[in-house]
Structures are given as structure tokens and as C-alpha cells.
Amino acid sequence: MILHDVSIYGEEAHRYIRIRNGIIESVEDKSIQTADKDELRLELNGAIALPGFINSHDHLEFNCFPALGNKIYKNYTEWGPDIRSSYADTIKQVLQIPEPLRIAWGLYKNLFNGFTTVVNHGKKLAVNDELISVFQDCTPLHSPAFEKNWKWKLKNIFSKGPVVMHTGEGIDDAAKQEIDELIRSNWFRKKIIGIHGVSMSEQQAVAFEGLVWCPASNYFFLGQTAAVDQLKKNTRVVFGTDSTLTSSWSIQEHFQLAKKNGNVTEKEFVAMLTTEPADLWKIQDRGSIAAGKTANLIVIKPGTNIFNLDPSAILLVIHRGNIRLADEFITGIRQTPAVPFSRVRLGDSVKKVQGRPLEIAQEIKKYFSSLYIPFSETHE
């Protein structure tokens, strides 16, 4: 496959990218004139290419939920019991959806938003990597308040990978004290990647291998988010969406809220979606566009500001060298019976997407009729 005439984000010159066997073989500054027989050549006319985004925090099986909450809370320990009481019927209906359907919907949410890798937090899920990659090589603990025996689990010398844990998800003193307790309890100085850290201080940040910043989730039920402009001085900060239980389906809202307080520049934010998480999660085969890297890329409309990126502006999503999603104006894309594509309308554009997301949505609606579906059927 040749991506002909793209502008790689952050560079001025146009590039020509050749992909073979799921790997970026070369990135050229001149047009690639010689092509193998039947090699796919996509004319992209200066559209912007970026590494496939890495979503560093999601709960894949919770993306059928609408956002639940009815006020600004002080802490996740206040929010959790309140929604279980106030939205008991909704929660019951969503949890009746078979888990494979819920997981599939979570994968499509990430794909449509340009994520080619997602870090799932929670129990290890049975998923394949046909659409995007799911990273689960870590020790997930929910939080100090909701994870039973978390201190003992933290001390487990046989645990795999970094410990990943919600912490400081609140705006009160209890949230700050929770972070201190977690730091004190880390006897063996394990690598901890904190999630949210809304109340985290610069001094506390030193004790963490990294922090996953989820601004949309934070603003939704806490009314504020982490001071990443300060925290990034002492720990690596990466981006996460969390599930739709506390945030929007569309990355546009997530990215605009990331910009809200001027905490990061656009360049820093793109790094939080690409190079920084690749390093933090030690998945260095992705996160940048360079020869030898796994061919995980997205292509977006020319002139798009990342903070205002709408899913409809994503023209192409390539995962492991395979096209998973493409705008209909990109011609020449071939499909096989083994890998069918659907056509759906997303905003003002039509996308070809691998699989049958609309059929999955209709199956889910048999259990939960209020499912939010951001795209619709379109006819040939």
C-alpha cells in the first residue's frame, strides 16, 4: 500500500509512505513511481497523516452507557453510590446487554475516533485485534475506595506490568489524602500509572510513572480537571477518554475540553496521544510514523486543528497495515468477502468501515433502546 502525497503532522514537506506486511517500509520525500502488481495506491492530496492515536484509559464494556450524573460531585465515592441509586433501571438494562456486544461497541467507539490502540482498565477481556489493538499487559486495580484488598494486591511481587489505578478522582481533601495513602502503601516501589489525578499535586506526581488525563470525564462530574501543566513537570502525562458512562462519544468534545484551560499546546497534546503513551506502555512499535514501525496511522482533512478534530474529519484509519475505516471519497479501496465493509453516514460524510457496526447497534438496542448511535445507515 502506498499513501501518496500526505503531510505528516508537524512537518512542512509532503511525504509518500509505503506499507508492507503491516509495517511502514519507507517514508519518502519523493513520489513513489514503482509499484508492485496490484499494490494499492491511495491519492491523499496533502491530507494530514498522524500516528494512530493511543487511548490510555477506557472501560470497553461500559460504552453503551449514557453519561450518568445529576450534579457536580466532590469525589468518585460520592458519584458512584448516587448513580447506582438514581439510575438503577438504566444500569440494569445496560448490564443485561451481552458482554461481547458491549465490548464490540467500545471497540467501534475507539475506531471511529481515530484510536488504533486502547488500554482497557478492569478485568482482562476476551478480545481480538481485528479492528484495533487492546493493551491489557498491566495490573489493573480500580481505586483505593472500590478495589477490595488493594494494598495487598499492590504488594504482590508476581503481578504483571505496571499497576494502573484510579487515584485522586475528586476535588476534596479525601481525594488528596487518597493519593498520599497510595504512595505510602507502595512498599516495593512498583511503577504506578495513576488515572485522573484531579487533586494530584506536583510533589505527589513524582511518585508516579505516569498519569492518564481524562478531561471530559473529570469536567462532567467534578467540574474541573487535573493541573497537567504542573504535573507534567514531574511525571509523564498521557490522554484517556474513559467510557461514555462519564463522557462524550465524540473526541471533539474531549479534545476541546483538553484545550479549555490552556493546560497544553497542540504539539504537547498530540504527543500525549502518540509518542508519550507508546513510551509509557512500552509499545515502541507504534506512536510515530517511521520506517520499521507498525503501520498504525490515521489521515485527517487538511487544515484540521487537532483540538477541534471531529470524527467526520478522519479520512482514513489504518491498523497493522489494514484499512479499518475510510472516507468514501478515497477511491480504489478493495475489500474481500473475509473482511467486509459497511457504509455509514457520520456527520456530513460517508465512511466505509470494517465489519457491521449498525447491526451490532441494532442488536444492542434490543436490550437498551436508548443507545446513542452517532452514525446512520446510508444507501448505495
Protein backbone atom coordinates (compact mmCIF):
# COMPACT_ATOMS: atom_id res chain seq x y z
CA MET A 1 0.00 0.00 0.00
CA ILE A 2 1.24 3.47 -0.86
CA LEU A 3 -0.11 6.58 0.86
CA HIS A 4 0.60 9.10 -1.86
CA ASP A 5 1.05 12.78 -1.02
CA VAL A 6 0.42 13.23 2.69
CA SER A 7 1.60 15.95 5.04
CA ILE A 8 2.89 14.33 8.23
CA TYR A 9 1.76 16.29 11.28
CA GLY A 10 4.42 18.75 12.39
CA GLU A 11 6.30 18.68 9.09
CA GLU A 12 6.01 21.04 6.14
CA ALA A 13 7.05 18.81 3.25
CA HIS A 14 4.71 16.27 1.71
CA ARG A 15 5.58 12.60 2.11
CA TYR A 16 4.95 9.27 0.42
CA ILE A 17 4.54 6.28 2.72
CA ARG A 18 4.89 2.65 1.67
CA ILE A 19 3.37 -0.07 3.87
CA ARG A 20 4.12 -3.77 3.50
CA ASN A 21 3.13 -6.71 5.70
CA GLY A 22 1.71 -4.46 8.38
CA ILE A 23 4.91 -2.41 8.71
CA ILE A 24 5.89 1.03 7.48
CA GLU A 25 8.58 0.12 4.95
CA SER A 26 9.59 3.63 3.97
CA VAL A 27 8.72 7.30 4.28
CA GLU A 28 9.87 9.09 1.13
CA ASP A 29 10.13 12.75 0.20
CA LYS A 30 9.55 11.99 -3.48
CA SER A 31 6.69 10.30 -5.25
CA ILE A 32 6.97 6.52 -5.32
CA GLN A 33 6.74 5.70 -9.00
CA THR A 34 7.31 1.95 -8.97
CA ALA A 35 4.57 -0.17 -7.51
CA ASP A 36 4.15 -3.90 -7.16
CA LYS A 37 1.45 -5.62 -9.15
CA ASP A 38 -1.92 -4.95 -7.51
CA GLU A 39 -0.31 -2.69 -4.87
CA LEU A 40 -2.91 -0.29 -3.52
CA ARG A 41 -2.10 3.38 -4.10
CA LEU A 42 -4.21 5.96 -2.29
CA GLU A 43 -4.09 9.54 -3.54
CA LEU A 44 -4.47 11.75 -0.45
CA ASN A 45 -3.75 15.21 -1.86
CA GLY A 46 -1.87 16.69 1.06
CA ALA A 47 -4.14 15.39 3.85
CA ILE A 48 -2.51 15.20 7.30
CA ALA A 49 -1.10 11.88 8.48
CA LEU A 50 -0.56 11.13 12.16
CA PRO A 51 0.35 8.03 14.13
CA GLY A 52 -2.78 6.15 15.16
CA PHE A 53 -3.94 7.62 18.46
CA ILE A 54 -3.44 5.65 21.67
CA ASN A 55 -6.30 5.86 24.16
CA SER A 56 -4.65 5.26 27.53
CA HIS A 57 -7.84 4.73 29.51
CA ASP A 58 -11.17 3.18 28.66
CA HIS A 59 -13.54 0.58 30.06
CA LEU A 60 -14.50 -1.07 26.80
CA GLU A 61 -17.57 -2.86 28.15
CA PHE A 62 -19.08 0.38 29.54
CA ASN A 63 -19.51 2.36 26.32
CA CYS A 64 -23.20 1.56 25.86
CA PHE A 65 -23.99 3.73 28.87
CA PRO A 66 -25.18 7.31 28.57
CA ALA A 67 -23.30 9.72 30.83
CA LEU A 68 -24.79 9.30 34.31
CA GLY A 69 -24.81 12.04 36.92
CA ASN A 70 -27.05 14.87 38.04
CA LYS A 71 -24.72 17.37 39.74
CA ILE A 72 -21.11 18.28 40.40
CA TYR A 73 -19.69 15.81 42.90
CA LYS A 74 -16.79 16.15 45.33
CA ASN A 75 -15.40 12.69 44.76
CA TYR A 76 -15.94 9.48 42.80
CA THR A 77 -17.01 7.89 46.09
CA GLU A 78 -19.99 10.28 46.12
CA TRP A 79 -20.75 9.83 42.42
CA GLY A 80 -20.74 6.01 42.42
CA PRO A 81 -23.43 5.39 45.05
CA ASP A 82 -25.56 8.24 43.71
CA ILE A 83 -25.79 6.90 40.16
CA ARG A 84 -26.47 3.36 41.40
CA SER A 85 -29.46 4.78 43.26
CA SER A 86 -30.64 7.42 40.77
CA TYR A 87 -30.16 5.40 37.58
CA ALA A 88 -30.74 1.85 38.77
CA ASP A 89 -33.04 0.95 35.86
CA THR A 90 -30.64 2.27 33.21
CA ILE A 91 -27.70 0.45 34.75
CA LYS A 92 -29.68 -2.79 34.91
CA GLN A 93 -30.70 -2.53 31.25
CA VAL A 94 -27.18 -1.83 30.01
CA LEU A 95 -25.64 -4.63 32.04
CA GLN A 96 -28.12 -7.06 30.51
CA ILE A 97 -26.52 -6.48 27.10
CA PRO A 98 -24.26 -9.48 26.41
CA GLU A 99 -20.70 -8.53 27.17
CA PRO A 100 -19.33 -9.36 23.69
CA LEU A 101 -21.75 -6.82 22.19
CA ARG A 102 -20.75 -4.19 24.72
CA ILE A 103 -17.06 -4.80 24.02
CA ALA A 104 -17.63 -4.63 20.27
CA TRP A 105 -19.38 -1.28 20.67
CA GLY A 106 -16.46 0.02 22.75
CA LEU A 107 -14.03 -1.01 20.03
CA TYR A 108 -16.05 0.83 17.38
CA LYS A 109 -16.19 3.95 19.54
CA ASN A 110 -12.41 3.97 19.58
CA LEU A 111 -12.04 3.17 15.88
CA PHE A 112 -14.38 5.93 14.71
CA ASN A 113 -12.42 8.38 16.86
CA GLY A 114 -9.03 7.53 15.39
CA PHE A 115 -7.66 5.29 18.14
CA THR A 116 -5.73 2.30 16.86
CA THR A 117 -4.69 1.20 20.37
CA VAL A 118 -6.75 1.32 23.56
CA VAL A 119 -5.65 0.50 27.09
CA ASN A 120 -8.53 -1.34 28.76
CA HIS A 121 -8.84 -0.88 32.51
CA GLY A 122 -10.53 -3.60 34.55
CA LYS A 123 -10.79 -7.32 34.24
CA LYS A 124 -8.99 -8.86 31.29
CA LEU A 125 -11.39 -9.06 28.39
CA ALA A 126 -11.54 -11.71 25.70
CA VAL A 127 -10.97 -9.59 22.60
CA ASN A 128 -9.19 -9.97 19.30
CA ASP A 129 -7.29 -7.29 17.45
CA GLU A 130 -9.25 -7.29 14.22
CA LEU A 131 -10.28 -3.63 14.47
CA ILE A 132 -7.76 -2.05 16.85
CA SER A 133 -5.20 -3.24 19.38
CA VAL A 134 -6.28 -3.70 23.01
CA PHE A 135 -3.50 -3.34 25.57
CA GLN A 136 -4.01 -5.28 28.80
CA ASP A 137 -0.43 -6.09 29.88
CA CYS A 138 -0.67 -4.44 33.27
CA THR A 139 -2.06 -4.95 36.75
CA PRO A 140 -5.37 -3.05 36.91
CA LEU A 141 -6.70 -2.03 40.32
CA HIS A 142 -9.84 0.06 40.28
CA SER A 143 -9.27 2.56 43.10
CA PRO A 144 -8.50 2.70 46.84
CA ALA A 145 -12.20 3.03 47.66
CA PHE A 146 -13.63 0.36 45.34
CA GLU A 147 -10.84 -2.25 44.99
CA LYS A 148 -11.00 -4.79 47.81
CA ASN A 149 -7.67 -5.57 49.46
CA TRP A 150 -5.88 -3.17 47.15
CA LYS A 151 -2.91 -2.75 49.49
CA TRP A 152 -2.21 -6.48 49.43
CA LYS A 153 -2.62 -6.59 45.68
CA LEU A 154 -0.18 -3.69 45.37
CA LYS A 155 2.38 -5.70 47.33
CA ASN A 156 2.05 -8.78 45.10
CA ILE A 157 5.57 -9.35 43.78
CA PHE A 158 4.25 -11.60 41.00
CA SER A 159 1.95 -9.02 39.43
CA LYS A 160 2.47 -8.25 35.75
CA GLY A 161 3.41 -4.90 34.30
CA PRO A 162 2.76 -1.52 35.88
CA VAL A 163 -0.03 -1.07 38.41
CA VAL A 164 -2.79 1.04 36.87
CA MET A 165 -5.23 2.64 39.29
CA HIS A 166 -7.77 5.44 39.61
CA THR A 167 -6.49 7.86 42.21
CA GLY A 168 -7.22 11.42 43.29
CA GLU A 169 -10.50 11.39 41.36
CA GLY A 170 -12.07 14.16 43.37
CA ILE A 171 -11.79 17.80 44.42
CA ASP A 172 -11.91 17.41 48.22
CA ASP A 173 -9.31 16.67 50.90
CA ALA A 174 -10.22 12.97 50.84
CA ALA A 175 -9.06 12.73 47.22
CA LYS A 176 -5.71 14.34 48.06
CA GLN A 177 -5.24 12.09 51.10
CA GLU A 178 -6.04 9.03 48.99
CA ILE A 179 -3.03 9.76 46.80
CA ASP A 180 -0.77 10.05 49.86
CA GLU A 181 -2.06 6.73 51.17
CA LEU A 182 -1.36 5.06 47.83
CA ILE A 183 2.19 6.42 47.79
CA ARG A 184 2.83 5.27 51.40
CA SER A 185 1.46 1.81 50.63
CA ASN A 186 3.78 1.25 47.67
CA TRP A 187 6.40 -0.53 49.77
CA PHE A 188 8.13 -2.18 46.84
CA ARG A 189 8.24 1.00 44.76
CA LYS A 190 6.26 -0.52 41.94
CA LYS A 191 5.64 1.50 38.83
CA ILE A 192 2.20 3.04 39.25
CA ILE A 193 0.29 4.74 36.47
CA GLY A 194 -2.43 6.87 38.03
CA ILE A 195 -5.71 7.67 36.33
CA HIS A 196 -7.42 11.06 36.64
CA GLY A 197 -5.34 12.64 39.45
CA VAL A 198 -7.63 15.68 39.57
CA SER A 199 -6.39 16.54 43.08
CA MET A 200 -2.78 15.48 42.48
CA SER A 201 0.00 17.93 43.41
CA GLU A 202 3.37 18.38 41.74
CA GLN A 203 5.04 16.76 44.75
CA GLN A 204 2.78 13.72 44.62
CA ALA A 205 3.29 13.34 40.87
CA VAL A 206 6.95 12.39 41.41
CA ALA A 207 5.85 9.02 42.84
CA PHE A 208 4.00 8.01 39.66
CA GLU A 209 5.39 6.52 36.48
CA GLY A 210 2.68 8.37 34.60
CA LEU A 211 -0.74 9.97 34.79
CA VAL A 212 -3.66 9.33 32.43
CA TRP A 213 -5.53 12.58 31.92
CA CYS A 214 -9.26 12.26 31.17
CA PRO A 215 -10.56 15.85 30.99
CA ALA A 216 -14.04 15.12 29.61
CA SER A 217 -14.79 12.63 32.38
CA ASN A 218 -13.41 14.97 35.04
CA TYR A 219 -15.37 18.02 33.91
CA PHE A 220 -18.57 16.01 33.61
CA PHE A 221 -18.98 15.08 37.26
CA LEU A 222 -16.24 17.00 39.11
CA GLY A 223 -16.37 20.32 37.27
CA GLN A 224 -12.59 20.55 36.92
CA THR A 225 -9.62 18.52 35.78
CA ALA A 226 -6.02 17.79 36.68
CA ALA A 227 -3.43 20.58 36.57
CA VAL A 228 -1.46 18.84 33.85
CA ASP A 229 0.59 21.95 33.10
CA GLN A 230 2.13 21.48 36.55
CA LEU A 231 2.05 17.69 36.82
CA LYS A 232 3.85 17.16 33.51
CA LYS A 233 6.97 18.60 35.13
CA ASN A 234 7.26 15.55 37.40
CA THR A 235 5.55 12.69 35.59
CA ARG A 236 4.61 11.59 32.08
CA VAL A 237 1.08 12.66 31.15
CA VAL A 238 -0.96 10.78 28.54
CA PHE A 239 -4.57 11.06 27.37
CA GLY A 240 -7.59 8.85 28.00
CA THR A 241 -11.27 9.09 27.16
CA ASP A 242 -12.75 6.92 29.93
CA SER A 243 -16.07 5.32 28.96
CA THR A 244 -19.30 7.03 27.94
CA LEU A 245 -20.51 6.47 31.49
CA THR A 246 -18.85 9.82 32.28
CA SER A 247 -18.01 11.35 28.92
CA SER A 248 -18.99 12.00 25.33
CA TRP A 249 -18.74 9.51 22.46
CA SER A 250 -17.03 12.05 20.19
CA ILE A 251 -13.39 13.02 20.58
CA GLN A 252 -14.23 16.56 19.55
CA GLU A 253 -15.68 17.29 22.98
CA HIS A 254 -12.79 15.51 24.71
CA PHE A 255 -10.17 17.43 22.78
CA GLN A 256 -11.89 20.80 23.20
CA LEU A 257 -12.07 20.26 26.96
CA ALA A 258 -8.38 19.38 26.94
CA LYS A 259 -7.75 22.82 25.49
CA LYS A 260 -10.22 24.59 27.80
CA ASN A 261 -7.78 25.94 30.38
CA GLY A 262 -4.75 26.22 28.13
CA ASN A 263 -3.00 23.43 30.02
CA VAL A 264 -1.21 22.07 26.95
CA THR A 265 -0.19 23.16 23.49
CA GLU A 266 -1.45 21.31 20.42
CA LYS A 267 2.00 19.78 19.91
CA GLU A 268 2.14 18.54 23.51
CA PHE A 269 -1.37 17.16 23.22
CA VAL A 270 -0.56 15.18 20.08
CA ALA A 271 2.42 13.71 21.94
CA MET A 272 0.05 12.64 24.75
CA LEU A 273 -1.87 10.68 22.11
CA THR A 274 1.11 9.14 20.33
CA THR A 275 4.77 9.14 21.39
CA GLU A 276 4.23 9.57 25.14
CA PRO A 277 1.87 6.61 25.65
CA ALA A 278 3.98 4.44 23.34
CA ASP A 279 6.89 5.01 25.71
CA LEU A 280 4.83 4.78 28.90
CA TRP A 281 3.17 1.48 28.00
CA LYS A 282 6.38 0.21 26.35
CA ILE A 283 4.77 -0.38 22.97
CA GLN A 284 7.53 1.29 20.98
CA ASP A 285 6.49 -0.38 17.74
CA ARG A 286 3.89 2.35 17.35
CA GLY A 287 3.38 6.03 18.24
CA SER A 288 5.28 7.56 15.32
CA ILE A 289 5.45 7.40 11.54
CA ALA A 290 8.83 5.95 10.65
CA ALA A 291 10.28 3.03 8.75
CA GLY A 292 10.13 -0.17 10.78
CA LYS A 293 7.16 0.89 12.91
CA THR A 294 3.85 -0.94 12.92
CA ALA A 295 1.61 0.67 10.31
CA ASN A 296 -0.91 2.28 12.66
CA LEU A 297 -1.86 5.61 11.13
CA ILE A 298 -4.72 8.00 10.70
CA VAL A 299 -5.24 10.58 7.97
CA ILE A 300 -7.34 13.70 8.57
CA LYS A 301 -8.59 16.57 6.43
CA PRO A 302 -6.02 19.25 5.55
CA GLY A 303 -6.05 22.30 7.80
CA THR A 304 -7.65 20.48 10.75
CA ASN A 305 -6.74 21.75 14.20
CA ILE A 306 -6.35 18.72 16.47
CA PHE A 307 -8.24 20.33 19.34
CA ASN A 308 -11.25 20.73 17.01
CA LEU A 309 -10.98 17.32 15.37
CA ASP A 310 -14.40 15.88 14.63
CA PRO A 311 -14.66 12.16 13.81
CA SER A 312 -16.16 13.06 10.44
CA ALA A 313 -12.84 14.73 9.53
CA ILE A 314 -10.97 11.43 9.86
CA LEU A 315 -10.39 10.23 6.32
CA LEU A 316 -8.51 7.01 6.95
CA VAL A 317 -7.66 4.69 9.83
CA ILE A 318 -5.00 2.07 9.20
CA HIS A 319 -4.28 -0.58 11.82
CA ARG A 320 -1.42 -3.03 11.35
CA GLY A 321 -1.32 -2.16 7.70
CA ASN A 322 -5.03 -2.82 7.14
CA ILE A 323 -7.64 -0.21 6.32
CA ARG A 324 -10.26 -0.25 9.07
CA LEU A 325 -12.09 2.95 8.12
CA ALA A 326 -12.02 5.23 5.08
CA ASP A 327 -13.93 8.23 3.82
CA GLU A 328 -15.92 7.40 0.73
CA PHE A 329 -14.06 9.94 -1.41
CA ILE A 330 -10.90 7.81 -1.12
CA THR A 331 -11.22 5.56 -4.14
CA GLY A 332 -9.63 2.26 -5.05
CA ILE A 333 -10.03 0.55 -1.69
CA ARG A 334 -10.66 -3.13 -2.16
CA GLN A 335 -12.46 -5.44 0.21
CA THR A 336 -12.66 -9.19 0.35
CA PRO A 337 -15.52 -11.45 1.47
CA ALA A 338 -13.43 -12.32 4.55
CA VAL A 339 -13.19 -8.63 5.55
CA PRO A 340 -16.46 -6.92 4.63
CA PHE A 341 -17.02 -3.17 4.86
CA SER A 342 -20.17 -1.27 5.73
CA ARG A 343 -21.13 2.22 4.63
CA VAL A 344 -22.40 4.60 7.31
CA ARG A 345 -23.14 8.29 7.44
CA LEU A 346 -21.18 10.16 10.10
CA GLY A 347 -21.98 13.85 10.30
CA ASP A 348 -21.69 15.25 6.78
CA SER A 349 -19.54 12.40 5.48
CA VAL A 350 -19.92 8.77 4.50
CA LYS A 351 -17.44 6.24 5.85
CA LYS A 352 -16.54 2.74 4.81
CA VAL A 353 -15.85 0.79 7.98
CA GLN A 354 -14.77 -2.77 8.55
CA GLY A 355 -17.46 -5.03 9.97
CA ARG A 356 -21.12 -4.37 10.72
CA PRO A 357 -21.39 -1.64 13.37
CA LEU A 358 -25.02 -0.83 12.55
CA GLU A 359 -26.02 -4.47 13.01
CA ILE A 360 -24.25 -4.51 16.35
CA ALA A 361 -26.09 -1.33 17.34
CA GLN A 362 -29.45 -2.85 16.45
CA GLU A 363 -28.66 -5.94 18.50
CA ILE A 364 -27.76 -3.76 21.48
CA LYS A 365 -30.98 -1.75 21.13
CA LYS A 366 -32.97 -4.94 21.74
CA TYR A 367 -31.70 -4.71 25.31
CA PHE A 368 -31.27 -0.95 25.67
CA SER A 369 -33.41 1.10 23.31
CA SER A 370 -31.80 4.40 24.36
CA LEU A 371 -28.37 3.52 22.96
CA TYR A 372 -26.73 6.57 21.39
CA ILE A 373 -25.73 5.79 17.80
CA PRO A 374 -23.58 8.56 16.27
CA PHE A 375 -23.84 7.29 12.71
CA SER A 376 -26.69 6.19 10.50
CA GLU A 377 -27.40 3.92 7.56
CA THR A 378 -26.67 5.19 4.11
CA HIS A 379 -27.74 3.61 0.85
CA GLU A 380 -25.54 2.76 -2.11
